[in-house]
Amino acid sequence: MTRPTPSDKLLAREARHVAVVIVVAMVGWLGAQWLGAKLGWDASYAFLFDLAALAAFFWALVVTWRIWQRQRDAGK
């Protein structure tokens, strides 16, 4: 088995970063929805948290696509 190259390590670090962002966005979104329902916040706050979570998921999708592209190009 060969040792990972610096580019492999970079891709792995970026993938871990994406995973952390997805988990934090999901837990944060669920927590904000629960807290908003318990405290009776206005619905506009729910939409704000929805948009923030969607932005985080979109960012994760874009970065994941870039990781996939770089990994695919490195294999050629």
PDB file of N, CA and C in Angstrom:
ATOM      1  N   MET A   1       0.849  -1.179   0.000  1.00  0.00           N
ATOM      2  CA  MET A   1       0.000   0.000   0.000  1.00  0.00           C
ATOM      3  C   MET A   1       0.893   1.241   0.000  1.00  0.00           C
ATOM      4  N   THR A   2       0.540   2.220  -0.799  1.00  0.00           N
ATOM      5  CA  THR A   2       1.336   3.438  -0.897  1.00  0.00           C
ATOM      6  C   THR A   2       0.862   4.463   0.112  1.00  0.00           C
ATOM      7  N   ARG A   3       1.768   5.357   0.433  1.00  0.00           N
ATOM      8  CA  ARG A   3       1.433   6.439   1.364  1.00  0.00           C
ATOM      9  C   ARG A   3       0.593   7.480   0.634  1.00  0.00           C
ATOM     10  N   PRO A   4      -0.309   8.138   1.343  1.00  0.00           N
ATOM     11  CA  PRO A   4      -1.110   9.177   0.692  1.00  0.00           C
ATOM     12  C   PRO A   4      -0.245  10.379   0.301  1.00  0.00           C
ATOM     13  N   THR A   5      -0.557  10.923  -0.842  1.00  0.00           N
ATOM     14  CA  THR A   5       0.154  12.101  -1.316  1.00  0.00           C
ATOM     15  C   THR A   5      -0.398  13.334  -0.621  1.00  0.00           C
ATOM     16  N   PRO A   6       0.314  14.456  -0.712  1.00  0.00           N
ATOM     17  CA  PRO A   6      -0.228  15.694  -0.121  1.00  0.00           C
ATOM     18  C   PRO A   6      -1.587  16.082  -0.710  1.00  0.00           C
ATOM     19  N   SER A   7      -1.795  15.817  -1.984  1.00  0.00           N
ATOM     20  CA  SER A   7      -3.099  16.147  -2.573  1.00  0.00           C
ATOM     21  C   SER A   7      -4.188  15.227  -2.030  1.00  0.00           C
ATOM     22  N   ASP A   8      -3.839  13.963  -1.758  1.00  0.00           N
ATOM     23  CA  ASP A   8      -4.812  13.052  -1.137  1.00  0.00           C
ATOM     24  C   ASP A   8      -5.193  13.539   0.262  1.00  0.00           C
ATOM     25  N   LYS A   9      -4.195  13.993   0.990  1.00  0.00           N
ATOM     26  CA  LYS A   9      -4.462  14.515   2.334  1.00  0.00           C
ATOM     27  C   LYS A   9      -5.335  15.760   2.284  1.00  0.00           C
ATOM     28  N   LEU A  10      -5.094  16.613   1.287  1.00  0.00           N
ATOM     29  CA  LEU A  10      -5.908  17.817   1.123  1.00  0.00           C
ATOM     30  C   LEU A  10      -7.352  17.459   0.800  1.00  0.00           C
ATOM     31  N   LEU A  11      -7.546  16.511  -0.102  1.00  0.00           N
ATOM     32  CA  LEU A  11      -8.902  16.082  -0.446  1.00  0.00           C
ATOM     33  C   LEU A  11      -9.614  15.483   0.770  1.00  0.00           C
ATOM     34  N   ALA A  12      -8.888  14.690   1.557  1.00  0.00           N
ATOM     35  CA  ALA A  12      -9.489  14.090   2.750  1.00  0.00           C
ATOM     36  C   ALA A  12      -9.872  15.166   3.763  1.00  0.00           C
ATOM     37  N   ARG A  13      -9.007  16.163   3.936  1.00  0.00           N
ATOM     38  CA  ARG A  13      -9.302  17.254   4.875  1.00  0.00           C
ATOM     39  C   ARG A  13     -10.529  18.042   4.415  1.00  0.00           C
ATOM     40  N   GLU A  14     -10.617  18.317   3.112  1.00  0.00           N
ATOM     41  CA  GLU A  14     -11.785  19.038   2.593  1.00  0.00           C
ATOM     42  C   GLU A  14     -13.050  18.209   2.749  1.00  0.00           C
ATOM     43  N   ALA A  15     -12.956  16.903   2.542  1.00  0.00           N
ATOM     44  CA  ALA A  15     -14.124  16.039   2.700  1.00  0.00           C
ATOM     45  C   ALA A  15     -14.583  16.027   4.166  1.00  0.00           C
ATOM     46  N   ARG A  16     -13.630  15.980   5.103  1.00  0.00           N
ATOM     47  CA  ARG A  16     -14.007  16.052   6.525  1.00  0.00           C
ATOM     48  C   ARG A  16     -14.662  17.394   6.849  1.00  0.00           C
ATOM     49  N   HIS A  17     -14.145  18.461   6.258  1.00  0.00           N
ATOM     50  CA  HIS A  17     -14.716  19.791   6.472  1.00  0.00           C
ATOM     51  C   HIS A  17     -16.167  19.825   5.977  1.00  0.00           C
ATOM     52  N   VAL A  18     -16.405  19.254   4.816  1.00  0.00           N
ATOM     53  CA  VAL A  18     -17.769  19.191   4.272  1.00  0.00           C
ATOM     54  C   VAL A  18     -18.672  18.400   5.212  1.00  0.00           C
ATOM     55  N   ALA A  19     -18.179  17.278   5.714  1.00  0.00           N
ATOM     56  CA  ALA A  19     -18.987  16.458   6.620  1.00  0.00           C
ATOM     57  C   ALA A  19     -19.347  17.224   7.885  1.00  0.00           C
ATOM     58  N   VAL A  20     -18.392  17.964   8.430  1.00  0.00           N
ATOM     59  CA  VAL A  20     -18.659  18.747   9.639  1.00  0.00           C
ATOM     60  C   VAL A  20     -19.691  19.834   9.359  1.00  0.00           C
ATOM     61  N   VAL A  21     -19.570  20.501   8.217  1.00  0.00           N
ATOM     62  CA  VAL A  21     -20.538  21.552   7.870  1.00  0.00           C
ATOM     63  C   VAL A  21     -21.936  20.967   7.726  1.00  0.00           C
ATOM     64  N   ILE A  22     -22.057  19.806   7.099  1.00  0.00           N
ATOM     65  CA  ILE A  22     -23.372  19.181   6.934  1.00  0.00           C
ATOM     66  C   ILE A  22     -23.976  18.832   8.290  1.00  0.00           C
ATOM     67  N   VAL A  23     -23.179  18.236   9.170  1.00  0.00           N
ATOM     68  CA  VAL A  23     -23.690  17.843  10.486  1.00  0.00           C
ATOM     69  C   VAL A  23     -24.087  19.071  11.304  1.00  0.00           C
ATOM     70  N   VAL A  24     -23.232  20.084  11.334  1.00  0.00           N
ATOM     71  CA  VAL A  24     -23.530  21.286  12.112  1.00  0.00           C
ATOM     72  C   VAL A  24     -24.756  22.002  11.555  1.00  0.00           C
ATOM     73  N   ALA A  25     -24.867  22.065  10.236  1.00  0.00           N
ATOM     74  CA  ALA A  25     -26.033  22.719   9.629  1.00  0.00           C
ATOM     75  C   ALA A  25     -27.317  21.976   9.977  1.00  0.00           C
ATOM     76  N   MET A  26     -27.270  20.653   9.912  1.00  0.00           N
ATOM     77  CA  MET A  26     -28.479  19.873  10.197  1.00  0.00           C
ATOM     78  C   MET A  26     -28.870  19.966  11.661  1.00  0.00           C
ATOM     79  N   VAL A  27     -27.901  19.798  12.547  1.00  0.00           N
ATOM     80  CA  VAL A  27     -28.200  19.881  13.984  1.00  0.00           C
ATOM     81  C   VAL A  27     -28.639  21.297  14.356  1.00  0.00           C
ATOM     82  N   GLY A  28     -27.963  22.288  13.809  1.00  0.00           N
ATOM     83  CA  GLY A  28     -28.346  23.671  14.076  1.00  0.00           C
ATOM     84  C   GLY A  28     -29.738  24.000  13.564  1.00  0.00           C
ATOM     85  N   TRP A  29     -30.046  23.510  12.374  1.00  0.00           N
ATOM     86  CA  TRP A  29     -31.372  23.758  11.807  1.00  0.00           C
ATOM     87  C   TRP A  29     -32.455  23.080  12.643  1.00  0.00           C
ATOM     88  N   LEU A  30     -32.227  21.816  13.004  1.00  0.00           N
ATOM     89  CA  LEU A  30     -33.213  21.115  13.837  1.00  0.00           C
ATOM     90  C   LEU A  30     -33.371  21.794  15.195  1.00  0.00           C
ATOM     91  N   GLY A  31     -32.248  22.190  15.785  1.00  0.00           N
ATOM     92  CA  GLY A  31     -32.309  22.875  17.076  1.00  0.00           C
ATOM     93  C   GLY A  31     -33.037  24.208  16.986  1.00  0.00           C
ATOM     94  N   ALA A  32     -32.785  24.949  15.930  1.00  0.00           N
ATOM     95  CA  ALA A  32     -33.460  26.242  15.768  1.00  0.00           C
ATOM     96  C   ALA A  32     -34.957  26.054  15.551  1.00  0.00           C
ATOM     97  N   GLN A  33     -35.333  25.023  14.796  1.00  0.00           N
ATOM     98  CA  GLN A  33     -36.763  24.762  14.584  1.00  0.00           C
ATOM     99  C   GLN A  33     -37.445  24.376  15.898  1.00  0.00           C
ATOM    100  N   TRP A  34     -36.773  23.519  16.670  1.00  0.00           N
ATOM    101  CA  TRP A  34     -37.339  23.091  17.942  1.00  0.00           C
ATOM    102  C   TRP A  34     -37.446  24.263  18.911  1.00  0.00           C
ATOM    103  N   LEU A  35     -36.359  25.045  19.008  1.00  0.00           N
ATOM    104  CA  LEU A  35     -36.346  26.181  19.931  1.00  0.00           C
ATOM    105  C   LEU A  35     -37.367  27.233  19.519  1.00  0.00           C
ATOM    106  N   GLY A  36     -37.478  27.463  18.216  1.00  0.00           N
ATOM    107  CA  GLY A  36     -38.459  28.430  17.733  1.00  0.00           C
ATOM    108  C   GLY A  36     -39.882  28.022  18.060  1.00  0.00           C
ATOM    109  N   ALA A  37     -40.167  26.721  17.958  1.00  0.00           N
ATOM    110  CA  ALA A  37     -41.514  26.243  18.293  1.00  0.00           C
ATOM    111  C   ALA A  37     -41.774  26.357  19.796  1.00  0.00           C
ATOM    112  N   LYS A  38     -40.754  26.054  20.606  1.00  0.00           N
ATOM    113  CA  LYS A  38     -40.927  26.129  22.061  1.00  0.00           C
ATOM    114  C   LYS A  38     -41.099  27.566  22.551  1.00  0.00           C
ATOM    115  N   LEU A  39     -40.369  28.492  21.942  1.00  0.00           N
ATOM    116  CA  LEU A  39     -40.409  29.880  22.401  1.00  0.00           C
ATOM    117  C   LEU A  39     -41.414  30.739  21.633  1.00  0.00           C
ATOM    118  N   GLY A  40     -42.050  30.164  20.629  1.00  0.00           N
ATOM    119  CA  GLY A  40     -43.070  30.884  19.882  1.00  0.00           C
ATOM    120  C   GLY A  40     -42.522  31.991  18.993  1.00  0.00           C
ATOM    121  N   TRP A  41     -41.367  31.752  18.399  1.00  0.00           N
ATOM    122  CA  TRP A  41     -40.786  32.757  17.513  1.00  0.00           C
ATOM    123  C   TRP A  41     -41.650  32.952  16.276  1.00  0.00           C
ATOM    124  N   ASP A  42     -41.498  34.100  15.661  1.00  0.00           N
ATOM    125  CA  ASP A  42     -42.209  34.410  14.426  1.00  0.00           C
ATOM    126  C   ASP A  42     -41.748  33.477  13.312  1.00  0.00           C
ATOM    127  N   ALA A  43     -42.621  33.220  12.352  1.00  0.00           N
ATOM    128  CA  ALA A  43     -42.302  32.302  11.243  1.00  0.00           C
ATOM    129  C   ALA A  43     -41.159  32.824  10.380  1.00  0.00           C
ATOM    130  N   SER A  44     -40.941  34.129  10.376  1.00  0.00           N
ATOM    131  CA  SER A  44     -39.851  34.666   9.548  1.00  0.00           C
ATOM    132  C   SER A  44     -38.490  34.167  10.044  1.00  0.00           C
ATOM    133  N   TYR A  45     -38.375  33.891  11.335  1.00  0.00           N
ATOM    134  CA  TYR A  45     -37.122  33.327  11.852  1.00  0.00           C
ATOM    135  C   TYR A  45     -36.920  31.901  11.336  1.00  0.00           C
ATOM    136  N   ALA A  46     -38.011  31.162  11.224  1.00  0.00           N
ATOM    137  CA  ALA A  46     -37.904  29.799  10.689  1.00  0.00           C
ATOM    138  C   ALA A  46     -37.398  29.845   9.255  1.00  0.00           C
ATOM    139  N   PHE A  47     -37.909  30.779   8.467  1.00  0.00           N
ATOM    140  CA  PHE A  47     -37.436  30.909   7.084  1.00  0.00           C
ATOM    141  C   PHE A  47     -35.968  31.337   7.040  1.00  0.00           C
ATOM    142  N   LEU A  48     -35.561  32.172   7.976  1.00  0.00           N
ATOM    143  CA  LEU A  48     -34.158  32.581   8.039  1.00  0.00           C
ATOM    144  C   LEU A  48     -33.252  31.379   8.316  1.00  0.00           C
ATOM    145  N   PHE A  49     -33.645  30.526   9.262  1.00  0.00           N
ATOM    146  CA  PHE A  49     -32.868  29.326   9.551  1.00  0.00           C
ATOM    147  C   PHE A  49     -32.906  28.347   8.378  1.00  0.00           C
ATOM    148  N   ASP A  50     -34.048  28.274   7.705  1.00  0.00           N
ATOM    149  CA  ASP A  50     -34.141  27.420   6.515  1.00  0.00           C
ATOM    150  C   ASP A  50     -33.164  27.876   5.438  1.00  0.00           C
ATOM    151  N   LEU A  51     -33.120  29.173   5.205  1.00  0.00           N
ATOM    152  CA  LEU A  51     -32.208  29.697   4.172  1.00  0.00           C
ATOM    153  C   LEU A  51     -30.747  29.493   4.561  1.00  0.00           C
ATOM    154  N   ALA A  52     -30.430  29.655   5.834  1.00  0.00           N
ATOM    155  CA  ALA A  52     -29.054  29.429   6.283  1.00  0.00           C
ATOM    156  C   ALA A  52     -28.663  27.968   6.091  1.00  0.00           C
ATOM    157  N   ALA A  53     -29.563  27.052   6.424  1.00  0.00           N
ATOM    158  CA  ALA A  53     -29.273  25.627   6.237  1.00  0.00           C
ATOM    159  C   ALA A  53     -29.142  25.290   4.757  1.00  0.00           C
ATOM    160  N   LEU A  54     -30.011  25.844   3.934  1.00  0.00           N
ATOM    161  CA  LEU A  54     -29.912  25.606   2.486  1.00  0.00           C
ATOM    162  C   LEU A  54     -28.593  26.135   1.926  1.00  0.00           C
ATOM    163  N   ALA A  55     -28.160  27.282   2.404  1.00  0.00           N
ATOM    164  CA  ALA A  55     -26.879  27.828   1.954  1.00  0.00           C
ATOM    165  C   ALA A  55     -25.729  26.906   2.349  1.00  0.00           C
ATOM    166  N   ALA A  56     -25.759  26.384   3.562  1.00  0.00           N
ATOM    167  CA  ALA A  56     -24.707  25.468   4.012  1.00  0.00           C
ATOM    168  C   ALA A  56     -24.721  24.185   3.181  1.00  0.00           C
ATOM    169  N   PHE A  57     -25.900  23.654   2.895  1.00  0.00           N
ATOM    170  CA  PHE A  57     -25.989  22.434   2.092  1.00  0.00           C
ATOM    171  C   PHE A  57     -25.547  22.689   0.656  1.00  0.00           C
ATOM    172  N   PHE A  58     -25.887  23.833   0.108  1.00  0.00           N
ATOM    173  CA  PHE A  58     -25.454  24.167  -1.250  1.00  0.00           C
ATOM    174  C   PHE A  58     -23.933  24.295  -1.300  1.00  0.00           C
ATOM    175  N   TRP A  59     -23.346  24.955  -0.301  1.00  0.00           N
ATOM    176  CA  TRP A  59     -21.889  25.077  -0.228  1.00  0.00           C
ATOM    177  C   TRP A  59     -21.257  23.689  -0.171  1.00  0.00           C
ATOM    178  N   ALA A  60     -21.822  22.800   0.661  1.00  0.00           N
ATOM    179  CA  ALA A  60     -21.282  21.442   0.788  1.00  0.00           C
ATOM    180  C   ALA A  60     -21.388  20.689  -0.529  1.00  0.00           C
ATOM    181  N   LEU A  61     -22.479  20.889  -1.251  1.00  0.00           N
ATOM    182  CA  LEU A  61     -22.644  20.241  -2.552  1.00  0.00           C
ATOM    183  C   LEU A  61     -21.603  20.727  -3.552  1.00  0.00           C
ATOM    184  N   VAL A  62     -21.379  22.024  -3.589  1.00  0.00           N
ATOM    185  CA  VAL A  62     -20.398  22.592  -4.515  1.00  0.00           C
ATOM    186  C   VAL A  62     -18.990  22.108  -4.179  1.00  0.00           C
ATOM    187  N   VAL A  63     -18.621  22.114  -2.924  1.00  0.00           N
ATOM    188  CA  VAL A  63     -17.282  21.672  -2.530  1.00  0.00           C
ATOM    189  C   VAL A  63     -17.121  20.175  -2.794  1.00  0.00           C
ATOM    190  N   THR A  64     -18.153  19.386  -2.526  1.00  0.00           N
ATOM    191  CA  THR A  64     -18.085  17.960  -2.818  1.00  0.00           C
ATOM    192  C   THR A  64     -17.903  17.718  -4.305  1.00  0.00           C
ATOM    193  N   TRP A  65     -18.591  18.474  -5.132  1.00  0.00           N
ATOM    194  CA  TRP A  65     -18.441  18.351  -6.583  1.00  0.00           C
ATOM    195  C   TRP A  65     -17.021  18.708  -7.008  1.00  0.00           C
ATOM    196  N   ARG A  66     -16.461  19.762  -6.415  1.00  0.00           N
ATOM    197  CA  ARG A  66     -15.078  20.144  -6.743  1.00  0.00           C
ATOM    198  C   ARG A  66     -14.090  19.060  -6.314  1.00  0.00           C
ATOM    199  N   ILE A  67     -14.303  18.455  -5.153  1.00  0.00           N
ATOM    200  CA  ILE A  67     -13.441  17.362  -4.699  1.00  0.00           C
ATOM    201  C   ILE A  67     -13.520  16.204  -5.696  1.00  0.00           C
ATOM    202  N   TRP A  68     -14.713  15.861  -6.104  1.00  0.00           N
ATOM    203  CA  TRP A  68     -14.904  14.769  -7.057  1.00  0.00           C
ATOM    204  C   TRP A  68     -14.201  15.077  -8.375  1.00  0.00           C
ATOM    205  N   GLN A  69     -14.331  16.317  -8.848  1.00  0.00           N
ATOM    206  CA  GLN A  69     -13.686  16.708 -10.107  1.00  0.00           C
ATOM    207  C   GLN A  69     -12.166  16.583 -10.000  1.00  0.00           C
ATOM    208  N   ARG A  70     -11.601  17.080  -8.912  1.00  0.00           N
ATOM    209  CA  ARG A  70     -10.138  17.010  -8.742  1.00  0.00           C
ATOM    210  C   ARG A  70      -9.647  15.575  -8.632  1.00  0.00           C
ATOM    211  N   GLN A  71     -10.419  14.742  -7.930  1.00  0.00           N
ATOM    212  CA  GLN A  71     -10.038  13.351  -7.785  1.00  0.00           C
ATOM    213  C   GLN A  71     -10.135  12.625  -9.136  1.00  0.00           C
ATOM    214  N   ARG A  72     -11.148  12.939  -9.902  1.00  0.00           N
ATOM    215  CA  ARG A  72     -11.319  12.330 -11.218  1.00  0.00           C
ATOM    216  C   ARG A  72     -10.207  12.769 -12.162  1.00  0.00           C
ATOM    217  N   ASP A  73      -9.856  14.056 -12.126  1.00  0.00           N
ATOM    218  CA  ASP A  73      -8.794  14.565 -12.996  1.00  0.00           C
ATOM    219  C   ASP A  73      -7.428  14.008 -12.606  1.00  0.00           C
ATOM    220  N   ALA A  74      -7.211  13.751 -11.337  1.00  0.00           N
ATOM    221  CA  ALA A  74      -5.937  13.207 -10.885  1.00  0.00           C
ATOM    222  C   ALA A  74      -5.772  11.757 -11.342  1.00  0.00           C
ATOM    223  N   GLY A  75      -6.871  11.060 -11.574  1.00  0.00           N
ATOM    224  CA  GLY A  75      -6.806   9.665 -11.997  1.00  0.00           C
ATOM    225  C   GLY A  75      -6.515   9.488 -13.472  1.00  0.00           C
ATOM    226  N   LYS A  76      -6.578  10.563 -14.255  1.00  0.00           N
ATOM    227  CA  LYS A  76      -6.344  10.455 -15.700  1.00  0.00           C
ATOM    228  C   LYS A  76      -4.897  10.330 -16.032  1.00  0.00           C
TER     229      LYS A  76
END
